[in-house]
Structures are given as C-alpha cells and as structure tokens.
N, C-alpha and C. Protein backbone atom coordinates (compact mmCIF):
# COMPACT_ATOMS: atom_id res chain seq x y z
N MET A 1 98.25 97.99 115.85
CA MET A 1 98.82 98.54 114.63
C MET A 1 98.81 100.05 114.72
N SER A 2 99.84 100.65 114.13
CA SER A 2 99.92 102.10 114.17
C SER A 2 100.00 102.66 112.75
N ALA A 3 99.47 103.84 112.60
CA ALA A 3 99.48 104.51 111.30
C ALA A 3 100.80 105.25 111.12
N ILE A 4 101.27 105.28 109.88
CA ILE A 4 102.51 105.97 109.55
C ILE A 4 102.27 106.87 108.34
N ARG A 5 103.26 107.72 108.07
CA ARG A 5 103.24 108.63 106.92
C ARG A 5 104.59 108.54 106.23
N VAL A 6 104.56 108.42 104.90
CA VAL A 6 105.78 108.36 104.11
C VAL A 6 105.65 109.30 102.92
N HIS A 7 106.69 110.10 102.71
CA HIS A 7 106.78 111.01 101.56
C HIS A 7 107.70 110.33 100.55
N VAL A 8 107.27 110.25 99.29
CA VAL A 8 107.97 109.44 98.30
C VAL A 8 108.25 110.24 97.03
N HIS A 9 109.46 110.04 96.47
CA HIS A 9 109.80 110.55 95.14
C HIS A 9 110.14 109.36 94.27
N ILE A 10 109.48 109.27 93.11
CA ILE A 10 109.69 108.15 92.19
C ILE A 10 110.34 108.72 90.93
N ARG A 11 111.41 108.08 90.47
CA ARG A 11 112.15 108.53 89.29
C ARG A 11 112.10 107.45 88.21
N GLY A 12 112.30 107.89 86.99
CA GLY A 12 112.32 106.98 85.86
C GLY A 12 111.33 107.44 84.81
N HIS A 13 110.85 106.52 83.99
CA HIS A 13 109.82 106.83 82.99
C HIS A 13 108.48 106.61 83.68
N VAL A 14 108.01 107.67 84.37
CA VAL A 14 106.82 107.55 85.22
C VAL A 14 105.75 108.58 84.91
N GLN A 15 105.95 109.37 83.87
CA GLN A 15 104.92 110.30 83.44
C GLN A 15 104.44 109.87 82.06
N GLY A 16 103.14 110.04 81.81
CA GLY A 16 102.56 109.64 80.54
C GLY A 16 102.28 108.15 80.44
N VAL A 17 102.32 107.46 81.59
CA VAL A 17 102.08 106.00 81.62
C VAL A 17 100.99 105.65 82.65
N PHE A 18 100.18 106.64 83.01
CA PHE A 18 99.09 106.46 83.99
C PHE A 18 99.59 106.11 85.39
N TYR A 19 100.79 106.59 85.72
CA TYR A 19 101.35 106.30 87.04
C TYR A 19 100.48 106.91 88.15
N ARG A 20 100.06 108.16 87.99
CA ARG A 20 99.26 108.80 89.05
C ARG A 20 97.92 108.10 89.24
N ALA A 21 97.21 107.85 88.15
CA ALA A 21 95.90 107.19 88.25
C ALA A 21 96.04 105.79 88.83
N SER A 22 97.07 105.08 88.43
CA SER A 22 97.29 103.73 88.95
C SER A 22 97.67 103.77 90.42
N THR A 23 98.45 104.78 90.81
CA THR A 23 98.82 104.94 92.22
C THR A 23 97.57 105.21 93.05
N GLN A 24 96.70 106.07 92.56
CA GLN A 24 95.46 106.37 93.28
C GLN A 24 94.61 105.10 93.44
N ARG A 25 94.48 104.33 92.40
CA ARG A 25 93.69 103.10 92.44
C ARG A 25 94.28 102.11 93.45
N GLN A 26 95.61 101.95 93.43
CA GLN A 26 96.27 101.02 94.35
C GLN A 26 96.16 101.51 95.80
N ALA A 27 96.37 102.80 96.01
CA ALA A 27 96.26 103.37 97.37
C ALA A 27 94.86 103.18 97.92
N ASN A 28 93.85 103.42 97.09
CA ASN A 28 92.47 103.24 97.54
C ASN A 28 92.21 101.77 97.88
N ALA A 29 92.73 100.86 97.08
CA ALA A 29 92.54 99.43 97.34
C ALA A 29 93.18 99.02 98.67
N LEU A 30 94.25 99.71 99.05
CA LEU A 30 94.95 99.39 100.30
C LEU A 30 94.43 100.20 101.49
N GLY A 31 93.46 101.08 101.25
CA GLY A 31 92.89 101.89 102.33
C GLY A 31 93.79 103.02 102.79
N LEU A 32 94.65 103.51 101.90
CA LEU A 32 95.57 104.58 102.26
C LEU A 32 94.96 105.94 101.95
N ARG A 33 95.49 106.95 102.59
CA ARG A 33 95.11 108.34 102.38
C ARG A 33 96.35 109.10 101.93
N GLY A 34 96.13 110.24 101.24
CA GLY A 34 97.25 111.06 100.81
C GLY A 34 97.05 111.63 99.43
N TRP A 35 98.15 111.77 98.67
CA TRP A 35 98.07 112.36 97.34
C TRP A 35 99.26 111.92 96.49
N VAL A 36 99.13 112.16 95.17
CA VAL A 36 100.19 111.90 94.21
C VAL A 36 100.17 113.00 93.17
N ARG A 37 101.34 113.41 92.67
CA ARG A 37 101.40 114.43 91.62
C ARG A 37 102.66 114.26 90.78
N ASN A 38 102.61 114.80 89.55
CA ASN A 38 103.78 114.85 88.69
C ASN A 38 104.69 115.98 89.14
N LEU A 39 105.98 115.82 88.91
CA LEU A 39 106.96 116.86 89.19
C LEU A 39 107.50 117.43 87.88
N PRO A 40 107.94 118.69 87.89
CA PRO A 40 108.47 119.29 86.67
C PRO A 40 109.70 118.55 86.11
N ASP A 41 110.43 117.84 86.96
CA ASP A 41 111.63 117.13 86.49
C ASP A 41 111.34 115.77 85.86
N GLY A 42 110.05 115.42 85.73
CA GLY A 42 109.68 114.15 85.12
C GLY A 42 109.40 113.04 86.10
N GLY A 43 109.60 113.30 87.37
CA GLY A 43 109.33 112.31 88.41
C GLY A 43 107.91 112.43 88.93
N VAL A 44 107.62 111.62 89.92
CA VAL A 44 106.32 111.63 90.59
C VAL A 44 106.57 111.72 92.09
N GLU A 45 105.75 112.48 92.78
CA GLU A 45 105.84 112.66 94.23
C GLU A 45 104.53 112.20 94.85
N ALA A 46 104.61 111.57 96.01
CA ALA A 46 103.40 111.11 96.69
C ALA A 46 103.60 111.14 98.20
N VAL A 47 102.48 111.23 98.90
CA VAL A 47 102.45 111.08 100.36
C VAL A 47 101.42 110.00 100.66
N PHE A 48 101.83 109.02 101.45
CA PHE A 48 100.94 107.92 101.85
C PHE A 48 100.79 107.92 103.35
N GLU A 49 99.55 107.84 103.84
CA GLU A 49 99.28 107.67 105.26
C GLU A 49 98.38 106.46 105.44
N GLY A 50 98.70 105.65 106.43
CA GLY A 50 97.88 104.49 106.74
C GLY A 50 98.63 103.50 107.59
N GLU A 51 98.06 102.31 107.70
CA GLU A 51 98.69 101.26 108.49
C GLU A 51 100.03 100.87 107.86
N GLN A 52 101.00 100.58 108.69
CA GLN A 52 102.36 100.31 108.23
C GLN A 52 102.41 99.22 107.16
N ALA A 53 101.70 98.12 107.35
CA ALA A 53 101.73 97.02 106.38
C ALA A 53 101.20 97.48 105.02
N ALA A 54 100.15 98.29 105.02
CA ALA A 54 99.57 98.77 103.77
C ALA A 54 100.52 99.74 103.07
N VAL A 55 101.17 100.61 103.84
CA VAL A 55 102.14 101.55 103.26
C VAL A 55 103.32 100.77 102.66
N GLU A 56 103.78 99.75 103.35
CA GLU A 56 104.89 98.94 102.82
C GLU A 56 104.50 98.25 101.52
N ARG A 57 103.26 97.76 101.44
CA ARG A 57 102.78 97.15 100.19
C ARG A 57 102.71 98.19 99.08
N MET A 58 102.30 99.41 99.42
CA MET A 58 102.24 100.49 98.43
C MET A 58 103.63 100.83 97.93
N LEU A 59 104.60 100.90 98.81
CA LEU A 59 105.97 101.20 98.40
C LEU A 59 106.52 100.11 97.48
N ALA A 60 106.19 98.86 97.76
CA ALA A 60 106.62 97.76 96.89
C ALA A 60 106.00 97.93 95.51
N TRP A 61 104.72 98.34 95.48
CA TRP A 61 104.05 98.57 94.19
C TRP A 61 104.73 99.72 93.45
N CYS A 62 105.09 100.80 94.17
CA CYS A 62 105.73 101.97 93.54
C CYS A 62 107.03 101.60 92.84
N ARG A 63 107.72 100.59 93.33
CA ARG A 63 108.99 100.19 92.71
C ARG A 63 108.78 99.55 91.34
N GLN A 64 107.56 99.10 91.07
CA GLN A 64 107.21 98.53 89.77
C GLN A 64 106.36 99.49 88.95
N GLY A 65 105.32 100.03 89.57
CA GLY A 65 104.41 100.93 88.89
C GLY A 65 103.51 100.21 87.92
N PRO A 66 102.77 100.96 87.10
CA PRO A 66 101.88 100.36 86.11
C PRO A 66 102.69 99.74 84.97
N PRO A 67 102.04 98.98 84.10
CA PRO A 67 102.75 98.21 83.07
C PRO A 67 103.74 98.97 82.20
N ASN A 68 103.45 100.20 81.79
CA ASN A 68 104.36 100.92 80.89
C ASN A 68 105.39 101.79 81.59
N ALA A 69 105.41 101.77 82.91
CA ALA A 69 106.38 102.56 83.66
C ALA A 69 107.72 101.83 83.74
N TYR A 70 108.78 102.63 83.89
CA TYR A 70 110.11 102.09 84.14
C TYR A 70 110.68 102.88 85.31
N VAL A 71 110.65 102.28 86.49
CA VAL A 71 111.07 102.96 87.70
C VAL A 71 112.56 102.72 87.94
N THR A 72 113.32 103.80 88.11
CA THR A 72 114.75 103.69 88.37
C THR A 72 115.10 103.95 89.83
N ALA A 73 114.24 104.67 90.56
CA ALA A 73 114.52 104.96 91.97
C ALA A 73 113.24 105.32 92.70
N VAL A 74 113.15 104.89 93.95
CA VAL A 74 112.08 105.28 94.85
C VAL A 74 112.74 105.76 96.14
N GLU A 75 112.65 107.05 96.38
CA GLU A 75 113.25 107.65 97.57
C GLU A 75 112.13 107.89 98.58
N THR A 76 112.33 107.42 99.80
CA THR A 76 111.29 107.57 100.83
C THR A 76 111.82 108.36 102.02
N ARG A 77 110.91 109.09 102.64
CA ARG A 77 111.25 109.83 103.85
C ARG A 77 110.08 109.68 104.82
N SER A 78 110.33 109.12 105.98
CA SER A 78 109.29 109.00 107.00
C SER A 78 109.01 110.37 107.59
N GLU A 79 107.74 110.63 107.84
CA GLU A 79 107.31 111.88 108.44
C GLU A 79 106.33 111.55 109.56
N PRO A 80 106.11 112.47 110.49
CA PRO A 80 105.12 112.22 111.54
C PRO A 80 103.72 112.06 110.94
N PHE A 81 103.00 111.07 111.41
CA PHE A 81 101.62 110.85 110.96
C PHE A 81 100.79 112.07 111.34
N GLN A 82 100.00 112.57 110.40
CA GLN A 82 99.18 113.76 110.67
C GLN A 82 97.69 113.48 110.60
N GLY A 83 97.28 112.47 109.86
CA GLY A 83 95.86 112.15 109.76
C GLY A 83 95.02 113.25 109.14
N GLN A 84 95.62 114.02 108.25
CA GLN A 84 94.93 115.19 107.70
C GLN A 84 94.11 114.90 106.44
N PHE A 85 94.24 113.73 105.85
CA PHE A 85 93.57 113.43 104.58
C PHE A 85 92.31 112.62 104.80
N THR A 86 91.32 112.87 103.93
CA THR A 86 90.07 112.10 104.00
C THR A 86 90.01 111.04 102.91
N GLY A 87 90.93 111.07 101.98
CA GLY A 87 90.97 110.10 100.88
C GLY A 87 92.32 110.16 100.21
N PHE A 88 92.37 109.65 98.97
CA PHE A 88 93.62 109.71 98.22
C PHE A 88 93.36 110.44 96.91
N ALA A 89 94.09 111.52 96.68
CA ALA A 89 93.82 112.41 95.54
C ALA A 89 95.00 112.48 94.58
N VAL A 90 94.67 112.73 93.32
CA VAL A 90 95.67 113.11 92.32
C VAL A 90 95.72 114.63 92.33
N ARG A 91 96.91 115.16 92.56
CA ARG A 91 97.08 116.63 92.56
C ARG A 91 97.65 117.06 91.21
N TYR A 92 97.24 118.25 90.79
CA TYR A 92 97.70 118.80 89.52
C TYR A 92 98.45 120.09 89.73
C-alpha cells in the first residue's frame, strides 16, 4: 500500500454545521494526517495524507459531511505525498 495526498475544496452549506470538527474526528478515525479550515467564500478546504483506501473513504464522507451540512461540490486535486504532518488539525 502506498500513501497519497489530496487537496480538497468543499462547497455548499458547510460552515456553522461542525464540518471542520466532524472532518477532524473522521480523519483521526481513519488514521489520516493533514488539516481542515474554513474559507472566506463559505467553503471548506482540507488536505488529507494517508493510505489510498482511507483517503478514498474520507472523500466519500466529505461528499455527505455531518448531519446539518449540505454539500454541493467536492473538488479534489492530487498532490505529491509529503509526510509532513504528525496528526490532523483544524486550522483557523
């Protein structure tokens, strides 16, 4: 198995619904590293690093989000794996 890195932008009603905290909890459960933050345009941005299967499960979760979220788009961009993170953080 090989580790991958994906940069993600999530659009829709994703702020004020615990999207970041829920993303952190899900990423930790899947053993992923990286970060998540709100964007000024109302979206959410995240970087996930980890095993491909775990990242794919995380992306599937991002398309739904927490119960009060309404996701309209998830844009992904593969990036070279860097292994620079020690955990998964919420950035402010």
